[in-house]
Amino acid sequence: MKEHQTNQINSREIILSNLRKAGKRAWEERWSEVVPEGNVFDIVSDRPANFKKELEGLGGEVFLENDEAQAWKRLKELEQKRGWKKFLIADEELKKKCLKYDLPVSDFEAGEEDEDMSVGLTGCEALIAFSGSVMVSSASSGRKINIFPSIQVVIASKDLLVDYIQDGFERIEEKYGHRPSQISLISGPSRTADIEKTLVMGAHGPRELIIIIY
């Protein structure tokens, strides 16, 4: 045990000694001590188009519709074309909209979850145009519905499009007066390549992500 600790200390000292000898690197010498003013990232000139480009580049699917009626019509078309059996929903307002447009609904909170062709339907807190990310929170959609279904559909208005993540946080704080206990960013379908570098879709969440914006 003592020998093991000695070896750890010796290894650490060797690493620190090498770092001290290395001195400053070229980029460090050019690094400014003053934080520059202005935006760190480029300005997003067209939020809907940029969001669509970024998210679809990550494997998601985005539909840009002219108004709310067209958005729900698109959802109805997808339901019929894809053969979805029902929508798992936790939000009461979304349930009412589904019933209005004759879309099959299952109460997610009542424990009626079923992976067989079921689709999670949610809203969101914000759509981050710069990165193509969907910001959700435990206050709006709970914790489970964004993870359990194999397909997730998010329907949201253009008003929820913001430039950057910080803008999304600010929108949430304005809405609730605080930050909910869980805030998540969804950037494309769930994926991993941890095992033998083989890409697996839907590893930790939905294998398909569809966003309908109106």
C-alpha atoms as a PDB file:
ATOM      1  CA  MET A   1       0.000   0.000   0.000  1.00  0.00           C
ATOM      2  CA  LYS A   2       2.774   2.418   0.967  1.00  0.00           C
ATOM      3  CA  GLU A   3       4.723   1.544  -2.191  1.00  0.00           C
ATOM      4  CA  HIS A   4       1.632   2.239  -4.324  1.00  0.00           C
ATOM      5  CA  GLN A   5       1.183   5.686  -2.751  1.00  0.00           C
ATOM      6  CA  THR A   6       4.869   6.453  -3.294  1.00  0.00           C
ATOM      7  CA  ASN A   7       4.576   5.562  -6.980  1.00  0.00           C
ATOM      8  CA  GLN A   8       1.527   7.845  -7.328  1.00  0.00           C
ATOM      9  CA  ILE A   9       3.393  10.754  -5.741  1.00  0.00           C
ATOM     10  CA  ASN A  10       6.449  10.160  -7.953  1.00  0.00           C
ATOM     11  CA  SER A  11       4.277  10.056 -11.091  1.00  0.00           C
ATOM     12  CA  ARG A  12       2.536  13.277 -10.141  1.00  0.00           C
ATOM     13  CA  GLU A  13       5.845  15.035  -9.503  1.00  0.00           C
ATOM     14  CA  ILE A  14       7.202  13.919 -12.875  1.00  0.00           C
ATOM     15  CA  ILE A  15       4.103  15.323 -14.671  1.00  0.00           C
ATOM     16  CA  LEU A  16       4.253  18.633 -12.763  1.00  0.00           C
ATOM     17  CA  SER A  17       7.985  18.926 -13.398  1.00  0.00           C
ATOM     18  CA  ASN A  18       7.480  18.471 -17.150  1.00  0.00           C
ATOM     19  CA  LEU A  19       4.727  21.091 -17.164  1.00  0.00           C
ATOM     20  CA  ARG A  20       6.967  23.594 -15.356  1.00  0.00           C
ATOM     21  CA  LYS A  21       9.785  23.021 -17.833  1.00  0.00           C
ATOM     22  CA  ALA A  22       7.490  23.476 -20.824  1.00  0.00           C
ATOM     23  CA  GLY A  23       6.983  27.170 -20.131  1.00  0.00           C
ATOM     24  CA  LYS A  24       4.373  29.234 -21.894  1.00  0.00           C
ATOM     25  CA  ARG A  25       2.995  28.066 -25.218  1.00  0.00           C
ATOM     26  CA  ALA A  26       2.717  30.427 -28.155  1.00  0.00           C
ATOM     27  CA  TRP A  27      -1.069  30.802 -27.931  1.00  0.00           C
ATOM     28  CA  GLU A  28      -0.829  31.706 -24.231  1.00  0.00           C
ATOM     29  CA  GLU A  29       1.522  34.580 -24.981  1.00  0.00           C
ATOM     30  CA  ARG A  30      -1.004  35.990 -27.471  1.00  0.00           C
ATOM     31  CA  TRP A  31      -3.953  35.491 -25.112  1.00  0.00           C
ATOM     32  CA  SER A  32      -5.469  38.799 -24.071  1.00  0.00           C
ATOM     33  CA  GLU A  33      -5.956  39.578 -20.389  1.00  0.00           C
ATOM     34  CA  VAL A  34      -9.014  41.654 -21.265  1.00  0.00           C
ATOM     35  CA  VAL A  35     -12.368  40.082 -22.167  1.00  0.00           C
ATOM     36  CA  PRO A  36     -13.404  41.486 -25.585  1.00  0.00           C
ATOM     37  CA  GLU A  37     -16.717  43.312 -25.857  1.00  0.00           C
ATOM     38  CA  GLY A  38     -19.535  42.225 -28.134  1.00  0.00           C
ATOM     39  CA  ASN A  39     -20.886  38.805 -29.087  1.00  0.00           C
ATOM     40  CA  VAL A  40     -18.655  35.767 -28.783  1.00  0.00           C
ATOM     41  CA  PHE A  41     -20.650  33.900 -31.434  1.00  0.00           C
ATOM     42  CA  ASP A  42     -22.002  35.070 -34.767  1.00  0.00           C
ATOM     43  CA  ILE A  43     -25.381  36.773 -34.852  1.00  0.00           C
ATOM     44  CA  VAL A  44     -28.204  34.448 -35.950  1.00  0.00           C
ATOM     45  CA  SER A  45     -29.820  36.311 -38.841  1.00  0.00           C
ATOM     46  CA  ASP A  46     -32.584  33.772 -39.627  1.00  0.00           C
ATOM     47  CA  ARG A  47     -33.577  31.808 -36.536  1.00  0.00           C
ATOM     48  CA  PRO A  48     -35.990  29.287 -38.115  1.00  0.00           C
ATOM     49  CA  ALA A  49     -33.653  28.478 -41.022  1.00  0.00           C
ATOM     50  CA  ASN A  50     -30.573  28.206 -38.800  1.00  0.00           C
ATOM     51  CA  PHE A  51     -32.382  26.002 -36.273  1.00  0.00           C
ATOM     52  CA  LYS A  52     -33.542  23.692 -39.063  1.00  0.00           C
ATOM     53  CA  LYS A  53     -30.052  23.474 -40.589  1.00  0.00           C
ATOM     54  CA  GLU A  54     -28.347  22.725 -37.284  1.00  0.00           C
ATOM     55  CA  LEU A  55     -30.843  20.168 -35.962  1.00  0.00           C
ATOM     56  CA  GLU A  56     -31.153  18.295 -39.237  1.00  0.00           C
ATOM     57  CA  GLY A  57     -27.367  18.173 -39.352  1.00  0.00           C
ATOM     58  CA  LEU A  58     -27.605  16.263 -36.066  1.00  0.00           C
ATOM     59  CA  GLY A  59     -30.145  13.778 -37.415  1.00  0.00           C
ATOM     60  CA  GLY A  60     -33.385  15.463 -36.378  1.00  0.00           C
ATOM     61  CA  GLU A  61     -36.275  16.475 -38.619  1.00  0.00           C
ATOM     62  CA  VAL A  62     -37.768  19.976 -38.720  1.00  0.00           C
ATOM     63  CA  PHE A  63     -40.978  21.236 -40.341  1.00  0.00           C
ATOM     64  CA  LEU A  64     -41.535  24.993 -40.645  1.00  0.00           C
ATOM     65  CA  GLU A  65     -45.236  25.806 -41.003  1.00  0.00           C
ATOM     66  CA  ASN A  66     -47.036  29.096 -41.636  1.00  0.00           C
ATOM     67  CA  ASP A  67     -49.455  28.919 -38.703  1.00  0.00           C
ATOM     68  CA  GLU A  68     -50.752  26.716 -35.889  1.00  0.00           C
ATOM     69  CA  ALA A  69     -53.456  25.087 -38.006  1.00  0.00           C
ATOM     70  CA  GLN A  70     -50.871  24.053 -40.604  1.00  0.00           C
ATOM     71  CA  ALA A  71     -48.642  22.678 -37.846  1.00  0.00           C
ATOM     72  CA  TRP A  72     -51.369  20.395 -36.527  1.00  0.00           C
ATOM     73  CA  LYS A  73     -52.297  19.404 -40.075  1.00  0.00           C
ATOM     74  CA  ARG A  74     -48.654  18.366 -40.556  1.00  0.00           C
ATOM     75  CA  LEU A  75     -48.820  16.299 -37.380  1.00  0.00           C
ATOM     76  CA  LYS A  76     -51.989  14.584 -38.630  1.00  0.00           C
ATOM     77  CA  GLU A  77     -50.269  13.779 -41.938  1.00  0.00           C
ATOM     78  CA  LEU A  78     -47.288  12.287 -40.124  1.00  0.00           C
ATOM     79  CA  GLU A  79     -49.564  10.214 -37.895  1.00  0.00           C
ATOM     80  CA  GLN A  80     -51.341   8.720 -40.908  1.00  0.00           C
ATOM     81  CA  LYS A  81     -48.224   8.272 -43.034  1.00  0.00           C
ATOM     82  CA  ARG A  82     -46.116   6.718 -40.280  1.00  0.00           C
ATOM     83  CA  GLY A  83     -48.880   4.610 -38.759  1.00  0.00           C
ATOM     84  CA  TRP A  84     -48.513   6.014 -35.256  1.00  0.00           C
ATOM     85  CA  LYS A  85     -51.056   4.451 -32.922  1.00  0.00           C
ATOM     86  CA  LYS A  86     -51.189   7.108 -30.228  1.00  0.00           C
ATOM     87  CA  PHE A  87     -49.516  10.134 -28.723  1.00  0.00           C
ATOM     88  CA  LEU A  88     -48.213   9.968 -25.174  1.00  0.00           C
ATOM     89  CA  ILE A  89     -48.895  13.370 -23.618  1.00  0.00           C
ATOM     90  CA  ALA A  90     -48.410  14.896 -20.178  1.00  0.00           C
ATOM     91  CA  ASP A  91     -49.555  18.446 -21.028  1.00  0.00           C
ATOM     92  CA  GLU A  92     -53.302  19.093 -20.725  1.00  0.00           C
ATOM     93  CA  GLU A  93     -53.365  21.819 -23.397  1.00  0.00           C
ATOM     94  CA  LEU A  94     -51.703  19.510 -25.926  1.00  0.00           C
ATOM     95  CA  LYS A  95     -54.257  16.806 -25.108  1.00  0.00           C
ATOM     96  CA  LYS A  96     -57.088  19.221 -25.927  1.00  0.00           C
ATOM     97  CA  LYS A  97     -55.443  20.167 -29.217  1.00  0.00           C
ATOM     98  CA  CYS A  98     -55.009  16.498 -30.163  1.00  0.00           C
ATOM     99  CA  LEU A  99     -58.670  15.795 -29.476  1.00  0.00           C
ATOM    100  CA  LYS A 100     -59.606  18.843 -31.565  1.00  0.00           C
ATOM    101  CA  TYR A 101     -57.639  17.500 -34.534  1.00  0.00           C
ATOM    102  CA  ASP A 102     -58.811  13.894 -34.017  1.00  0.00           C
ATOM    103  CA  LEU A 103     -55.408  12.559 -32.973  1.00  0.00           C
ATOM    104  CA  PRO A 104     -55.235   9.449 -30.716  1.00  0.00           C
ATOM    105  CA  VAL A 105     -54.103  10.297 -27.179  1.00  0.00           C
ATOM    106  CA  SER A 106     -52.811   8.235 -24.276  1.00  0.00           C
ATOM    107  CA  ASP A 107     -52.349   9.673 -20.793  1.00  0.00           C
ATOM    108  CA  PHE A 108     -48.640   9.381 -20.123  1.00  0.00           C
ATOM    109  CA  GLU A 109     -48.908  10.241 -16.431  1.00  0.00           C
ATOM    110  CA  ALA A 110     -51.550   7.556 -15.891  1.00  0.00           C
ATOM    111  CA  GLY A 111     -49.015   4.863 -16.720  1.00  0.00           C
ATOM    112  CA  GLU A 112     -50.418   3.934 -20.121  1.00  0.00           C
ATOM    113  CA  GLU A 113     -46.972   3.950 -21.729  1.00  0.00           C
ATOM    114  CA  ASP A 114     -46.497   1.562 -24.603  1.00  0.00           C
ATOM    115  CA  GLU A 115     -43.435   1.580 -26.857  1.00  0.00           C
ATOM    116  CA  ASP A 116     -45.314  -0.050 -29.750  1.00  0.00           C
ATOM    117  CA  MET A 117     -45.624   2.788 -32.294  1.00  0.00           C
ATOM    118  CA  SER A 118     -46.225   5.328 -29.532  1.00  0.00           C
ATOM    119  CA  VAL A 119     -44.990   8.875 -29.909  1.00  0.00           C
ATOM    120  CA  GLY A 120     -44.178  11.339 -27.163  1.00  0.00           C
ATOM    121  CA  LEU A 121     -45.695  14.745 -27.926  1.00  0.00           C
ATOM    122  CA  THR A 122     -44.442  17.758 -25.985  1.00  0.00           C
ATOM    123  CA  GLY A 123     -43.927  21.467 -26.108  1.00  0.00           C
ATOM    124  CA  CYS A 124     -40.694  23.091 -24.977  1.00  0.00           C
ATOM    125  CA  GLU A 125     -39.296  26.084 -23.121  1.00  0.00           C
ATOM    126  CA  ALA A 126     -37.178  27.407 -25.988  1.00  0.00           C
ATOM    127  CA  LEU A 127     -35.641  26.506 -29.341  1.00  0.00           C
ATOM    128  CA  ILE A 128     -31.968  27.444 -29.539  1.00  0.00           C
ATOM    129  CA  ALA A 129     -31.360  28.634 -33.105  1.00  0.00           C
ATOM    130  CA  PHE A 130     -27.563  28.753 -32.916  1.00  0.00           C
ATOM    131  CA  SER A 131     -27.115  25.070 -32.001  1.00  0.00           C
ATOM    132  CA  GLY A 132     -30.392  23.525 -33.149  1.00  0.00           C
ATOM    133  CA  SER A 133     -31.240  22.445 -29.600  1.00  0.00           C
ATOM    134  CA  VAL A 134     -34.580  22.045 -27.861  1.00  0.00           C
ATOM    135  CA  MET A 135     -34.678  23.312 -24.261  1.00  0.00           C
ATOM    136  CA  VAL A 136     -37.128  21.494 -21.974  1.00  0.00           C
ATOM    137  CA  SER A 137     -37.672  21.552 -18.222  1.00  0.00           C
ATOM    138  CA  SER A 138     -39.273  19.470 -15.504  1.00  0.00           C
ATOM    139  CA  ALA A 139     -41.768  22.302 -14.948  1.00  0.00           C
ATOM    140  CA  SER A 140     -43.281  22.096 -18.427  1.00  0.00           C
ATOM    141  CA  SER A 141     -43.068  18.456 -19.503  1.00  0.00           C
ATOM    142  CA  GLY A 142     -41.862  16.514 -16.472  1.00  0.00           C
ATOM    143  CA  ARG A 143     -38.761  14.323 -16.475  1.00  0.00           C
ATOM    144  CA  LYS A 144     -39.790  11.088 -18.162  1.00  0.00           C
ATOM    145  CA  ILE A 145     -41.685  11.899 -21.341  1.00  0.00           C
ATOM    146  CA  ASN A 146     -38.596  13.341 -23.082  1.00  0.00           C
ATOM    147  CA  ILE A 147     -36.745  10.043 -22.572  1.00  0.00           C
ATOM    148  CA  PHE A 148     -39.163   7.108 -22.617  1.00  0.00           C
ATOM    149  CA  PRO A 149     -40.875   7.127 -26.069  1.00  0.00           C
ATOM    150  CA  SER A 150     -38.817   5.915 -29.021  1.00  0.00           C
ATOM    151  CA  ILE A 151     -40.107   8.852 -31.094  1.00  0.00           C
ATOM    152  CA  GLN A 152     -40.452  12.394 -29.782  1.00  0.00           C
ATOM    153  CA  VAL A 153     -42.371  15.169 -31.502  1.00  0.00           C
ATOM    154  CA  VAL A 154     -42.089  18.745 -30.289  1.00  0.00           C
ATOM    155  CA  ILE A 155     -44.621  21.288 -31.490  1.00  0.00           C
ATOM    156  CA  ALA A 156     -43.806  24.927 -30.781  1.00  0.00           C
ATOM    157  CA  SER A 157     -44.384  28.473 -32.006  1.00  0.00           C
ATOM    158  CA  LYS A 158     -41.722  30.654 -33.617  1.00  0.00           C
ATOM    159  CA  ASP A 159     -41.936  32.897 -30.539  1.00  0.00           C
ATOM    160  CA  LEU A 160     -39.900  30.275 -28.672  1.00  0.00           C
ATOM    161  CA  LEU A 161     -36.949  30.603 -31.050  1.00  0.00           C
ATOM    162  CA  VAL A 162     -34.012  32.368 -29.381  1.00  0.00           C
ATOM    163  CA  ASP A 163     -30.415  32.880 -30.465  1.00  0.00           C
ATOM    164  CA  TYR A 164     -28.372  31.242 -27.693  1.00  0.00           C
ATOM    165  CA  ILE A 165     -28.650  28.982 -24.642  1.00  0.00           C
ATOM    166  CA  GLN A 166     -28.398  31.942 -22.262  1.00  0.00           C
ATOM    167  CA  ASP A 167     -31.468  33.449 -23.925  1.00  0.00           C
ATOM    168  CA  GLY A 168     -33.332  30.228 -23.189  1.00  0.00           C
ATOM    169  CA  PHE A 169     -32.376  30.371 -19.502  1.00  0.00           C
ATOM    170  CA  GLU A 170     -33.551  33.972 -19.321  1.00  0.00           C
ATOM    171  CA  ARG A 171     -36.881  33.035 -20.908  1.00  0.00           C
ATOM    172  CA  ILE A 172     -37.375  30.269 -18.333  1.00  0.00           C
ATOM    173  CA  GLU A 173     -36.554  32.572 -15.418  1.00  0.00           C
ATOM    174  CA  GLU A 174     -39.014  35.171 -16.713  1.00  0.00           C
ATOM    175  CA  LYS A 175     -41.716  32.513 -17.047  1.00  0.00           C
ATOM    176  CA  TYR A 176     -41.335  30.809 -13.645  1.00  0.00           C
ATOM    177  CA  GLY A 177     -39.446  33.367 -11.557  1.00  0.00           C
ATOM    178  CA  HIS A 178     -36.745  30.758 -10.962  1.00  0.00           C
ATOM    179  CA  ARG A 179     -34.979  27.880 -12.684  1.00  0.00           C
ATOM    180  CA  PRO A 180     -36.824  24.530 -12.440  1.00  0.00           C
ATOM    181  CA  SER A 181     -35.017  21.603 -10.827  1.00  0.00           C
ATOM    182  CA  GLN A 182     -34.179  20.102 -14.220  1.00  0.00           C
ATOM    183  CA  ILE A 183     -33.430  21.866 -17.502  1.00  0.00           C
ATOM    184  CA  SER A 184     -32.276  19.783 -20.468  1.00  0.00           C
ATOM    185  CA  LEU A 185     -31.051  20.445 -23.983  1.00  0.00           C
ATOM    186  CA  ILE A 186     -32.039  17.980 -26.696  1.00  0.00           C
ATOM    187  CA  SER A 187     -29.794  18.165 -29.750  1.00  0.00           C
ATOM    188  CA  GLY A 188     -30.937  15.491 -32.174  1.00  0.00           C
ATOM    189  CA  PRO A 189     -31.929  11.855 -31.575  1.00  0.00           C
ATOM    190  CA  SER A 190     -30.267   9.968 -28.713  1.00  0.00           C
ATOM    191  CA  ARG A 191     -27.135   8.149 -29.846  1.00  0.00           C
ATOM    192  CA  THR A 192     -23.976   6.487 -28.569  1.00  0.00           C
ATOM    193  CA  ALA A 193     -20.950   4.708 -30.014  1.00  0.00           C
ATOM    194  CA  ASP A 194     -19.440   3.614 -26.708  1.00  0.00           C
ATOM    195  CA  ILE A 195     -19.485  -0.099 -27.525  1.00  0.00           C
ATOM    196  CA  GLU A 196     -16.946  -1.062 -30.211  1.00  0.00           C
ATOM    197  CA  LYS A 197     -17.472   2.362 -31.866  1.00  0.00           C
ATOM    198  CA  THR A 198     -20.754   1.150 -33.355  1.00  0.00           C
ATOM    199  CA  LEU A 199     -23.346   3.911 -33.625  1.00  0.00           C
ATOM    200  CA  VAL A 200     -26.568   3.021 -31.828  1.00  0.00           C
ATOM    201  CA  MET A 201     -29.620   5.281 -32.146  1.00  0.00           C
ATOM    202  CA  GLY A 202     -32.082   5.611 -29.296  1.00  0.00           C
ATOM    203  CA  ALA A 203     -29.639   4.441 -26.647  1.00  0.00           C
ATOM    204  CA  HIS A 204     -30.633   6.815 -23.836  1.00  0.00           C
ATOM    205  CA  GLY A 205     -33.757   8.429 -25.264  1.00  0.00           C
ATOM    206  CA  PRO A 206     -35.793   8.769 -28.484  1.00  0.00           C
ATOM    207  CA  ARG A 207     -34.227   7.394 -31.660  1.00  0.00           C
ATOM    208  CA  GLU A 208     -36.200   9.953 -33.692  1.00  0.00           C
ATOM    209  CA  LEU A 209     -36.715  13.643 -32.979  1.00  0.00           C
ATOM    210  CA  ILE A 210     -39.231  15.684 -34.986  1.00  0.00           C
ATOM    211  CA  ILE A 211     -39.836  19.401 -34.452  1.00  0.00           C
ATOM    212  CA  ILE A 212     -42.845  21.212 -35.907  1.00  0.00           C
ATOM    213  CA  ILE A 213     -42.568  25.007 -35.727  1.00  0.00           C
ATOM    214  CA  TYR A 214     -45.367  27.395 -36.611  1.00  0.00           C
END
